[in-house]
Amino acid sequence: MHIAPSAVSRQIALLEESVGVALFERRPRGMQLTAAGEALAEHARRTWLEQENILAELRGEGYPGPR
């Protein structure tokens, strides 16, 4: 991916502003997900998998993973 770090940082800040909670803990040596960030990431993973399952079903391919 050719995305500038500043663009990623801005998108993260916009997402945090949108949901109203900090999703990352900023540290001198990087960032770590907060509990809210972990929860959002898990929901995003499940949503992504469900989307993939729906598309696979529509294409007649079965399911790529657990529901």
Protein backbone atom coordinates (compact mmCIF):
# COMPACT_ATOMS: atom_id res chain seq x y z
CA MET A 1 0.00 0.00 0.00
CA HIS A 2 1.27 3.39 -0.92
CA ILE A 3 -0.40 5.52 1.72
CA ALA A 4 1.38 8.28 3.58
CA PRO A 5 1.58 7.73 7.36
CA SER A 6 0.01 11.15 7.87
CA ALA A 7 -3.02 10.07 5.82
CA VAL A 8 -3.43 6.95 7.93
CA SER A 9 -3.10 9.00 11.13
CA ARG A 10 -5.73 11.43 9.90
CA GLN A 11 -8.17 8.63 9.05
CA ILE A 12 -7.65 7.07 12.49
CA ALA A 13 -8.29 10.45 14.13
CA LEU A 14 -11.47 10.90 12.08
CA LEU A 15 -12.68 7.42 13.04
CA GLU A 16 -11.99 8.07 16.73
CA GLU A 17 -13.83 11.38 16.47
CA SER A 18 -16.74 9.66 14.76
CA VAL A 19 -17.15 6.95 17.41
CA GLY A 20 -16.31 9.27 20.29
CA VAL A 21 -13.68 7.09 21.95
CA ALA A 22 -9.95 6.51 21.67
CA LEU A 23 -9.27 3.38 19.63
CA PHE A 24 -5.49 3.49 20.02
CA GLU A 25 -3.16 4.24 22.86
CA ARG A 26 -0.30 6.31 21.52
CA ARG A 27 3.10 5.28 22.89
CA PRO A 28 6.64 6.47 22.21
CA ARG A 29 7.32 3.27 20.27
CA GLY A 30 4.08 3.03 18.35
CA MET A 31 0.43 2.47 19.02
CA GLN A 32 -1.66 -0.20 20.70
CA LEU A 33 -5.39 -0.84 20.44
CA THR A 34 -7.49 0.17 23.44
CA ALA A 35 -10.27 -2.11 24.68
CA ALA A 36 -12.68 -0.12 22.49
CA GLY A 37 -10.31 -0.53 19.54
CA GLU A 38 -10.15 -4.30 20.11
CA ALA A 39 -13.95 -4.47 20.24
CA LEU A 40 -14.32 -2.46 17.05
CA ALA A 41 -11.68 -4.57 15.30
CA GLU A 42 -13.50 -7.78 16.27
CA HIS A 43 -16.82 -6.43 15.00
CA ALA A 44 -15.11 -5.35 11.77
CA ARG A 45 -13.59 -8.84 11.32
CA ARG A 46 -16.98 -10.49 11.80
CA THR A 47 -18.69 -8.01 9.48
CA TRP A 48 -16.03 -8.60 6.81
CA LEU A 49 -16.40 -12.38 7.10
CA GLU A 50 -20.18 -12.13 6.91
CA GLN A 51 -19.88 -10.02 3.77
CA GLU A 52 -17.54 -12.61 2.25
CA ASN A 53 -19.98 -15.39 3.20
CA ILE A 54 -22.89 -13.55 1.57
CA LEU A 55 -20.93 -12.92 -1.63
CA ALA A 56 -19.75 -16.54 -1.76
CA GLU A 57 -23.32 -17.75 -1.25
CA LEU A 58 -24.59 -15.50 -4.03
CA ARG A 59 -21.87 -16.85 -6.34
CA GLY A 60 -22.74 -20.41 -5.34
CA GLU A 61 -19.30 -21.03 -3.82
CA GLY A 62 -20.35 -22.02 -0.32
CA TYR A 63 -18.87 -20.37 2.72
CA PRO A 64 -15.17 -19.50 3.16
CA GLY A 65 -15.31 -19.77 6.95
CA PRO A 66 -17.43 -20.15 10.06
CA ARG A 67 -20.56 -18.06 10.46
